[in-house]
Amino acid sequence: MKFHRHLFWVISISLLIVQCKKDEDQDDMEEFNPHISCIANSVDFNTNQLEIFPGQNALQIIGTSGSETLTLQIENPQIEGATVLLDGTTISSAVFEDLNNGIQYLSDDGSLTISRYDTTTGEMEGSFQFHGIEFFGSAEINVINGSFACIVPQ
């Protein structure tokens, strides 16, 4: 009888340990979700339709949602944790386009932070916010709570 009781406890504890390990493995294998999302003048912008253009000195991430396009250009995106200014003083910039009305807004103040960049898989994630002014006009845009995730071609 004692043997069966011990065997019951050994099996129970083993199952518990195996279940905990399985949950940890599932967390590690969370699916990577390329996207760009933000709030532009109080309106949600969300898309997983991305185009990625790596260049010698900059990386362009372009997301399109309906009749709107958001382009993030990041100068030399090599360092995880780096923050770049989106203020018109560097190659790094953001452009928000309203294709229905033919309006383009260029960032004149803001920032973009690369929170994760795995150079082995090319997975990059980060956040951004900026104020933009219309290219040929006086309209303005405020973009807040921005996030992005993409796979940078190797």
N, C-alpha and C. Protein backbone atom coordinates (compact mmCIF):
# COMPACT_ATOMS: atom_id res chain seq x y z
N MET A 1 0.82 -1.19 0.00
CA MET A 1 0.00 0.00 0.00
C MET A 1 0.86 1.25 0.00
N LYS A 2 1.93 1.24 0.83
CA LYS A 2 2.83 2.38 0.87
C LYS A 2 3.47 2.63 -0.49
N PHE A 3 3.82 1.55 -1.15
CA PHE A 3 4.45 1.66 -2.46
C PHE A 3 3.51 2.38 -3.44
N HIS A 4 2.24 2.03 -3.47
CA HIS A 4 1.27 2.65 -4.37
C HIS A 4 1.10 4.13 -4.06
N ARG A 5 1.11 4.48 -2.79
CA ARG A 5 0.96 5.89 -2.40
C ARG A 5 2.18 6.69 -2.88
N HIS A 6 3.36 6.14 -2.69
CA HIS A 6 4.58 6.83 -3.16
C HIS A 6 4.59 6.93 -4.67
N LEU A 7 4.17 5.86 -5.32
CA LEU A 7 4.13 5.87 -6.77
C LEU A 7 3.13 6.93 -7.26
N PHE A 8 1.99 7.04 -6.60
CA PHE A 8 1.01 8.07 -6.96
C PHE A 8 1.63 9.47 -6.85
N TRP A 9 2.33 9.75 -5.77
CA TRP A 9 2.93 11.08 -5.58
C TRP A 9 4.05 11.34 -6.59
N VAL A 10 4.85 10.36 -6.87
CA VAL A 10 5.93 10.53 -7.86
C VAL A 10 5.34 10.85 -9.23
N ILE A 11 4.30 10.11 -9.63
CA ILE A 11 3.67 10.35 -10.93
C ILE A 11 3.00 11.72 -10.95
N SER A 12 2.32 12.10 -9.88
CA SER A 12 1.64 13.40 -9.82
C SER A 12 2.62 14.55 -9.94
N ILE A 13 3.71 14.48 -9.20
CA ILE A 13 4.72 15.56 -9.25
C ILE A 13 5.39 15.59 -10.62
N SER A 14 5.65 14.43 -11.20
CA SER A 14 6.27 14.39 -12.53
C SER A 14 5.36 15.04 -13.56
N LEU A 15 4.08 14.75 -13.50
CA LEU A 15 3.14 15.37 -14.44
C LEU A 15 3.09 16.87 -14.26
N LEU A 16 3.13 17.34 -13.04
CA LEU A 16 3.11 18.78 -12.77
C LEU A 16 4.35 19.46 -13.36
N ILE A 17 5.49 18.86 -13.17
CA ILE A 17 6.74 19.42 -13.70
C ILE A 17 6.72 19.44 -15.22
N VAL A 18 6.26 18.37 -15.84
CA VAL A 18 6.19 18.31 -17.30
C VAL A 18 5.22 19.37 -17.82
N GLN A 19 4.07 19.55 -17.17
CA GLN A 19 3.10 20.55 -17.61
C GLN A 19 3.68 21.95 -17.51
N CYS A 20 4.38 22.27 -16.41
CA CYS A 20 4.99 23.59 -16.26
C CYS A 20 6.02 23.83 -17.35
N LYS A 21 6.83 22.85 -17.66
CA LYS A 21 7.84 22.99 -18.70
C LYS A 21 7.18 23.22 -20.06
N LYS A 22 6.07 22.53 -20.33
CA LYS A 22 5.36 22.69 -21.59
C LYS A 22 4.84 24.12 -21.74
N ASP A 23 4.28 24.72 -20.66
CA ASP A 23 3.80 26.08 -20.70
C ASP A 23 4.93 27.06 -20.99
N GLU A 24 6.10 26.86 -20.39
CA GLU A 24 7.25 27.74 -20.64
C GLU A 24 7.66 27.67 -22.10
N ASP A 25 7.69 26.46 -22.67
CA ASP A 25 8.07 26.31 -24.07
C ASP A 25 7.09 27.02 -24.98
N GLN A 26 5.79 26.99 -24.67
CA GLN A 26 4.79 27.66 -25.49
C GLN A 26 5.00 29.17 -25.46
N ASP A 27 5.38 29.73 -24.30
CA ASP A 27 5.64 31.16 -24.22
C ASP A 27 6.82 31.55 -25.10
N ASP A 28 7.86 30.70 -25.12
CA ASP A 28 9.05 30.99 -25.92
C ASP A 28 8.75 30.94 -27.41
N MET A 29 7.74 30.18 -27.81
CA MET A 29 7.45 30.00 -29.22
C MET A 29 6.29 30.89 -29.68
N GLU A 30 6.05 32.00 -28.98
CA GLU A 30 4.99 32.92 -29.37
C GLU A 30 5.24 33.41 -30.79
N GLU A 31 4.19 33.43 -31.59
CA GLU A 31 4.32 33.77 -33.00
C GLU A 31 4.67 35.25 -33.18
N PHE A 32 5.65 35.51 -34.03
CA PHE A 32 6.06 36.87 -34.36
C PHE A 32 5.03 37.45 -35.33
N ASN A 33 4.56 38.66 -35.06
CA ASN A 33 3.48 39.26 -35.84
C ASN A 33 3.93 40.59 -36.46
N PRO A 34 4.43 40.58 -37.71
CA PRO A 34 4.81 41.84 -38.36
C PRO A 34 3.61 42.77 -38.49
N HIS A 35 3.81 44.06 -38.16
CA HIS A 35 2.71 45.03 -38.21
C HIS A 35 3.24 46.45 -38.02
N ILE A 36 2.38 47.40 -38.31
CA ILE A 36 2.55 48.79 -37.88
C ILE A 36 1.19 49.20 -37.33
N SER A 37 1.21 49.81 -36.15
CA SER A 37 -0.04 50.33 -35.59
C SER A 37 0.25 51.62 -34.85
N CYS A 38 -0.75 52.51 -34.82
CA CYS A 38 -0.63 53.78 -34.10
C CYS A 38 -2.00 54.45 -34.06
N ILE A 39 -2.04 55.59 -33.41
CA ILE A 39 -3.22 56.44 -33.42
C ILE A 39 -2.80 57.74 -34.10
N ALA A 40 -3.44 58.06 -35.22
CA ALA A 40 -3.11 59.26 -35.99
C ALA A 40 -4.29 60.22 -35.91
N ASN A 41 -4.08 61.36 -35.25
CA ASN A 41 -5.17 62.32 -35.04
C ASN A 41 -6.43 61.64 -34.51
N SER A 42 -6.25 60.85 -33.47
CA SER A 42 -7.34 60.15 -32.75
C SER A 42 -7.98 59.01 -33.53
N VAL A 43 -7.40 58.58 -34.64
CA VAL A 43 -7.94 57.49 -35.45
C VAL A 43 -6.93 56.34 -35.47
N ASP A 44 -7.41 55.12 -35.23
CA ASP A 44 -6.53 53.94 -35.25
C ASP A 44 -6.02 53.65 -36.66
N PHE A 45 -4.74 53.34 -36.73
CA PHE A 45 -4.11 52.87 -37.97
C PHE A 45 -3.47 51.54 -37.62
N ASN A 46 -3.90 50.47 -38.25
CA ASN A 46 -3.35 49.13 -38.00
C ASN A 46 -3.21 48.39 -39.31
N THR A 47 -2.06 47.78 -39.52
CA THR A 47 -1.89 46.98 -40.72
C THR A 47 -0.80 45.93 -40.50
N ASN A 48 -0.97 44.81 -41.18
CA ASN A 48 0.10 43.82 -41.25
C ASN A 48 0.55 43.66 -42.70
N GLN A 49 0.12 44.58 -43.56
CA GLN A 49 0.56 44.61 -44.96
C GLN A 49 1.79 45.51 -45.04
N LEU A 50 2.96 44.90 -44.98
CA LEU A 50 4.21 45.65 -44.93
C LEU A 50 5.08 45.39 -46.14
N GLU A 51 5.85 46.40 -46.48
CA GLU A 51 6.93 46.28 -47.46
C GLU A 51 8.19 46.75 -46.74
N ILE A 52 9.26 46.00 -46.88
CA ILE A 52 10.52 46.31 -46.20
C ILE A 52 11.58 46.55 -47.27
N PHE A 53 12.27 47.69 -47.16
CA PHE A 53 13.32 48.04 -48.11
C PHE A 53 14.60 48.35 -47.35
N PRO A 54 15.52 47.37 -47.26
CA PRO A 54 16.80 47.66 -46.61
C PRO A 54 17.71 48.40 -47.59
N GLY A 55 18.46 49.34 -47.08
CA GLY A 55 19.41 50.07 -47.90
C GLY A 55 20.76 50.10 -47.20
N GLN A 56 21.73 50.80 -47.81
CA GLN A 56 23.06 50.88 -47.20
C GLN A 56 23.04 51.64 -45.89
N ASN A 57 22.32 52.74 -45.84
CA ASN A 57 22.34 53.60 -44.66
C ASN A 57 21.00 53.68 -43.93
N ALA A 58 19.96 53.08 -44.48
CA ALA A 58 18.65 53.21 -43.86
C ALA A 58 17.76 52.02 -44.20
N LEU A 59 16.77 51.81 -43.35
CA LEU A 59 15.77 50.78 -43.55
C LEU A 59 14.41 51.47 -43.65
N GLN A 60 13.64 51.12 -44.68
CA GLN A 60 12.28 51.65 -44.82
C GLN A 60 11.28 50.55 -44.53
N ILE A 61 10.30 50.87 -43.68
CA ILE A 61 9.19 49.98 -43.38
C ILE A 61 7.93 50.73 -43.81
N ILE A 62 7.20 50.17 -44.77
CA ILE A 62 6.01 50.83 -45.29
C ILE A 62 4.79 49.96 -45.01
N GLY A 63 3.82 50.55 -44.33
CA GLY A 63 2.58 49.85 -44.03
C GLY A 63 1.41 50.55 -44.67
N THR A 64 0.51 49.77 -45.30
CA THR A 64 -0.65 50.33 -45.97
C THR A 64 -1.92 49.75 -45.37
N SER A 65 -2.86 50.65 -45.07
CA SER A 65 -4.16 50.25 -44.55
C SER A 65 -5.22 51.07 -45.29
N GLY A 66 -5.95 50.40 -46.16
CA GLY A 66 -6.96 51.11 -46.95
C GLY A 66 -6.32 52.20 -47.80
N SER A 67 -6.70 53.44 -47.56
CA SER A 67 -6.18 54.57 -48.35
C SER A 67 -5.10 55.35 -47.59
N GLU A 68 -4.53 54.74 -46.57
CA GLU A 68 -3.48 55.41 -45.80
C GLU A 68 -2.21 54.58 -45.79
N THR A 69 -1.10 55.29 -45.83
CA THR A 69 0.21 54.65 -45.81
C THR A 69 1.09 55.33 -44.77
N LEU A 70 1.82 54.54 -44.03
CA LEU A 70 2.78 55.06 -43.06
C LEU A 70 4.15 54.49 -43.39
N THR A 71 5.11 55.37 -43.58
CA THR A 71 6.48 54.96 -43.88
C THR A 71 7.38 55.37 -42.73
N LEU A 72 8.12 54.40 -42.20
CA LEU A 72 9.13 54.66 -41.19
C LEU A 72 10.48 54.44 -41.83
N GLN A 73 11.35 55.43 -41.77
CA GLN A 73 12.71 55.29 -42.30
C GLN A 73 13.67 55.42 -41.13
N ILE A 74 14.49 54.38 -40.94
CA ILE A 74 15.39 54.31 -39.79
C ILE A 74 16.83 54.29 -40.29
N GLU A 75 17.60 55.27 -39.85
CA GLU A 75 19.00 55.35 -40.24
C GLU A 75 19.81 54.32 -39.47
N ASN A 76 20.57 53.49 -40.19
CA ASN A 76 21.47 52.49 -39.61
C ASN A 76 20.86 51.76 -38.42
N PRO A 77 19.81 50.96 -38.63
CA PRO A 77 19.14 50.30 -37.51
C PRO A 77 19.90 49.07 -37.02
N GLN A 78 21.03 49.29 -36.38
CA GLN A 78 21.87 48.17 -35.97
C GLN A 78 21.77 47.81 -34.49
N ILE A 79 21.34 48.76 -33.67
CA ILE A 79 21.48 48.57 -32.23
C ILE A 79 20.12 48.44 -31.55
N GLU A 80 19.93 47.33 -30.85
CA GLU A 80 18.74 47.15 -30.03
C GLU A 80 18.78 48.17 -28.90
N GLY A 81 17.66 48.83 -28.64
CA GLY A 81 17.60 49.84 -27.59
C GLY A 81 17.90 51.24 -28.08
N ALA A 82 18.27 51.37 -29.35
CA ALA A 82 18.60 52.70 -29.89
C ALA A 82 17.33 53.52 -30.12
N THR A 83 17.44 54.82 -29.89
CA THR A 83 16.36 55.75 -30.18
C THR A 83 16.86 56.74 -31.22
N VAL A 84 16.06 56.94 -32.27
CA VAL A 84 16.42 57.90 -33.31
C VAL A 84 15.37 59.01 -33.33
N LEU A 85 15.81 60.20 -33.66
CA LEU A 85 14.91 61.34 -33.75
C LEU A 85 14.21 61.35 -35.10
N LEU A 86 12.94 61.72 -35.08
CA LEU A 86 12.16 61.86 -36.32
C LEU A 86 11.82 63.34 -36.49
N ASP A 87 12.87 64.18 -36.49
CA ASP A 87 12.65 65.63 -36.47
C ASP A 87 13.13 66.36 -37.71
N GLY A 88 13.49 65.61 -38.75
CA GLY A 88 13.92 66.26 -39.99
C GLY A 88 15.40 66.61 -40.02
N THR A 89 16.15 66.28 -38.96
CA THR A 89 17.58 66.61 -38.95
C THR A 89 18.47 65.45 -39.37
N THR A 90 17.88 64.26 -39.54
CA THR A 90 18.65 63.08 -39.94
C THR A 90 17.91 62.36 -41.06
N ILE A 91 18.48 61.27 -41.53
CA ILE A 91 17.83 60.44 -42.55
C ILE A 91 16.57 59.79 -41.98
N SER A 92 16.56 59.53 -40.66
CA SER A 92 15.40 58.91 -40.02
C SER A 92 14.20 59.85 -40.11
N SER A 93 13.06 59.29 -40.51
CA SER A 93 11.85 60.11 -40.65
C SER A 93 10.62 59.23 -40.67
N ALA A 94 9.48 59.89 -40.62
CA ALA A 94 8.20 59.19 -40.78
C ALA A 94 7.34 60.02 -41.72
N VAL A 95 6.61 59.34 -42.58
CA VAL A 95 5.70 60.01 -43.51
C VAL A 95 4.36 59.30 -43.43
N PHE A 96 3.31 60.06 -43.17
CA PHE A 96 1.95 59.54 -43.15
C PHE A 96 1.22 60.10 -44.36
N GLU A 97 0.64 59.23 -45.18
CA GLU A 97 -0.03 59.66 -46.40
C GLU A 97 -1.51 59.31 -46.36
N ASP A 98 -2.33 60.29 -46.69
CA ASP A 98 -3.76 60.10 -46.89
C ASP A 98 -3.95 60.12 -48.40
N LEU A 99 -4.04 58.94 -49.01
CA LEU A 99 -4.08 58.83 -50.46
C LEU A 99 -5.39 59.34 -51.05
N ASN A 100 -6.48 59.25 -50.29
CA ASN A 100 -7.78 59.77 -50.80
C ASN A 100 -7.74 61.27 -51.02
N ASN A 101 -7.08 61.98 -50.12
CA ASN A 101 -7.04 63.45 -50.19
C ASN A 101 -5.72 63.98 -50.74
N GLY A 102 -4.79 63.08 -51.08
CA GLY A 102 -3.52 63.51 -51.65
C GLY A 102 -2.67 64.33 -50.68
N ILE A 103 -2.75 64.01 -49.38
CA ILE A 103 -1.98 64.76 -48.37
C ILE A 103 -0.88 63.87 -47.81
N GLN A 104 0.32 64.45 -47.71
CA GLN A 104 1.46 63.77 -47.09
C GLN A 104 1.95 64.62 -45.92
N TYR A 105 2.15 63.95 -44.79
CA TYR A 105 2.68 64.62 -43.60
C TYR A 105 4.07 64.09 -43.31
N LEU A 106 5.02 64.99 -43.13
CA LEU A 106 6.40 64.62 -42.82
C LEU A 106 6.67 64.92 -41.36
N SER A 107 7.30 63.98 -40.68
CA SER A 107 7.61 64.18 -39.26
C SER A 107 8.55 65.37 -39.08
N ASP A 108 8.23 66.23 -38.11
CA ASP A 108 9.12 67.35 -37.78
C ASP A 108 9.52 67.33 -36.30
N ASP A 109 8.94 66.39 -35.55
CA ASP A 109 9.29 66.21 -34.15
C ASP A 109 8.81 64.83 -33.73
N GLY A 110 9.64 64.08 -33.05
CA GLY A 110 9.25 62.76 -32.58
C GLY A 110 10.45 61.85 -32.44
N SER A 111 10.17 60.57 -32.16
CA SER A 111 11.25 59.61 -31.98
C SER A 111 10.76 58.20 -32.28
N LEU A 112 11.72 57.33 -32.52
CA LEU A 112 11.48 55.92 -32.77
C LEU A 112 12.51 55.14 -31.97
N THR A 113 12.07 54.12 -31.24
CA THR A 113 12.97 53.31 -30.43
C THR A 113 12.91 51.86 -30.90
N ILE A 114 14.07 51.28 -31.12
CA ILE A 114 14.16 49.85 -31.47
C ILE A 114 14.27 49.09 -30.16
N SER A 115 13.22 48.40 -29.78
CA SER A 115 13.22 47.68 -28.50
C SER A 115 13.81 46.28 -28.61
N ARG A 116 13.74 45.69 -29.80
CA ARG A 116 14.32 44.35 -29.99
C ARG A 116 14.76 44.21 -31.44
N TYR A 117 15.97 43.67 -31.62
CA TYR A 117 16.46 43.41 -32.96
C TYR A 117 17.31 42.15 -32.90
N ASP A 118 16.81 41.08 -33.46
CA ASP A 118 17.53 39.81 -33.51
C ASP A 118 18.18 39.72 -34.89
N THR A 119 19.49 39.91 -34.94
CA THR A 119 20.18 39.94 -36.23
C THR A 119 20.25 38.55 -36.87
N THR A 120 20.00 37.49 -36.10
CA THR A 120 19.99 36.14 -36.66
C THR A 120 18.72 35.89 -37.46
N THR A 121 17.57 36.24 -36.87
CA THR A 121 16.28 36.00 -37.54
C THR A 121 15.82 37.22 -38.33
N GLY A 122 16.38 38.39 -38.06
CA GLY A 122 15.96 39.63 -38.71
C GLY A 122 14.75 40.27 -38.05
N GLU A 123 14.26 39.68 -36.96
CA GLU A 123 13.07 40.22 -36.30
C GLU A 123 13.41 41.51 -35.56
N MET A 124 12.64 42.56 -35.87
CA MET A 124 12.84 43.87 -35.24
C MET A 124 11.49 44.37 -34.73
N GLU A 125 11.52 44.94 -33.53
CA GLU A 125 10.31 45.52 -32.94
C GLU A 125 10.66 46.86 -32.32
N GLY A 126 9.68 47.74 -32.26
CA GLY A 126 9.93 49.03 -31.65
C GLY A 126 8.67 49.85 -31.49
N SER A 127 8.88 51.09 -31.05
CA SER A 127 7.77 52.02 -30.83
C SER A 127 8.13 53.37 -31.43
N PHE A 128 7.12 54.20 -31.67
CA PHE A 128 7.35 55.52 -32.24
C PHE A 128 6.21 56.45 -31.91
N GLN A 129 6.49 57.72 -32.06
CA GLN A 129 5.49 58.79 -31.95
C GLN A 129 6.07 59.99 -32.67
N PHE A 130 5.19 60.79 -33.29
CA PHE A 130 5.71 61.98 -33.96
C PHE A 130 4.59 62.97 -34.25
N HIS A 131 5.01 64.19 -34.49
CA HIS A 131 4.15 65.27 -35.00
C HIS A 131 4.60 65.48 -36.43
N GLY A 132 3.64 65.66 -37.33
CA GLY A 132 3.99 65.87 -38.73
C GLY A 132 3.28 67.07 -39.31
N ILE A 133 3.92 67.65 -40.31
CA ILE A 133 3.33 68.79 -41.02
C ILE A 133 3.11 68.41 -42.49
N GLU A 134 2.07 68.98 -43.08
CA GLU A 134 1.75 68.70 -44.47
C GLU A 134 2.87 69.22 -45.37
N PHE A 135 3.24 68.41 -46.39
CA PHE A 135 4.28 68.81 -47.33
C PHE A 135 3.99 70.16 -47.97
N PHE A 136 2.82 70.30 -48.56
CA PHE A 136 2.48 71.52 -49.28
C PHE A 136 1.19 72.10 -48.72
N GLY A 137 1.24 72.54 -47.50
CA GLY A 137 0.05 73.09 -46.86
C GLY A 137 0.31 73.36 -45.39
N SER A 138 -0.75 73.54 -44.65
CA SER A 138 -0.60 73.90 -43.24
C SER A 138 -1.21 72.88 -42.29
N ALA A 139 -1.74 71.76 -42.81
CA ALA A 139 -2.35 70.74 -41.95
C ALA A 139 -1.28 70.05 -41.10
N GLU A 140 -1.68 69.53 -39.96
CA GLU A 140 -0.78 68.84 -39.05
C GLU A 140 -1.37 67.50 -38.66
N ILE A 141 -0.50 66.62 -38.19
CA ILE A 141 -0.93 65.32 -37.69
C ILE A 141 -0.14 64.98 -36.43
N ASN A 142 -0.81 64.35 -35.48
CA ASN A 142 -0.15 63.84 -34.28
C ASN A 142 -0.32 62.32 -34.27
N VAL A 143 0.79 61.64 -34.23
CA VAL A 143 0.80 60.18 -34.23
C VAL A 143 1.35 59.73 -32.88
N ILE A 144 0.54 58.94 -32.16
CA ILE A 144 0.94 58.47 -30.82
C ILE A 144 0.76 56.96 -30.71
N ASN A 145 1.32 56.39 -29.65
CA ASN A 145 1.19 54.96 -29.34
C ASN A 145 1.56 54.06 -30.52
N GLY A 146 2.58 54.45 -31.26
CA GLY A 146 2.99 53.67 -32.42
C GLY A 146 3.82 52.46 -32.03
N SER A 147 3.59 51.37 -32.73
CA SER A 147 4.43 50.18 -32.57
C SER A 147 4.63 49.54 -33.93
N PHE A 148 5.75 48.84 -34.06
CA PHE A 148 6.03 48.15 -35.32
C PHE A 148 6.78 46.87 -35.03
N ALA A 149 6.65 45.93 -35.93
CA ALA A 149 7.41 44.69 -35.90
C ALA A 149 7.59 44.28 -37.36
N CYS A 150 8.80 43.90 -37.71
CA CYS A 150 9.06 43.47 -39.09
C CYS A 150 10.21 42.49 -39.12
N ILE A 151 10.38 41.86 -40.25
CA ILE A 151 11.52 40.97 -40.46
C ILE A 151 12.42 41.65 -41.48
N VAL A 152 13.59 42.03 -41.05
CA VAL A 152 14.56 42.72 -41.92
C VAL A 152 15.26 41.66 -42.77
N PRO A 153 15.20 41.79 -44.10
CA PRO A 153 15.89 40.81 -44.96
C PRO A 153 17.38 40.81 -44.66
N GLN A 154 17.95 39.63 -44.64
CA GLN A 154 19.39 39.47 -44.32
C GLN A 154 20.24 39.61 -45.57
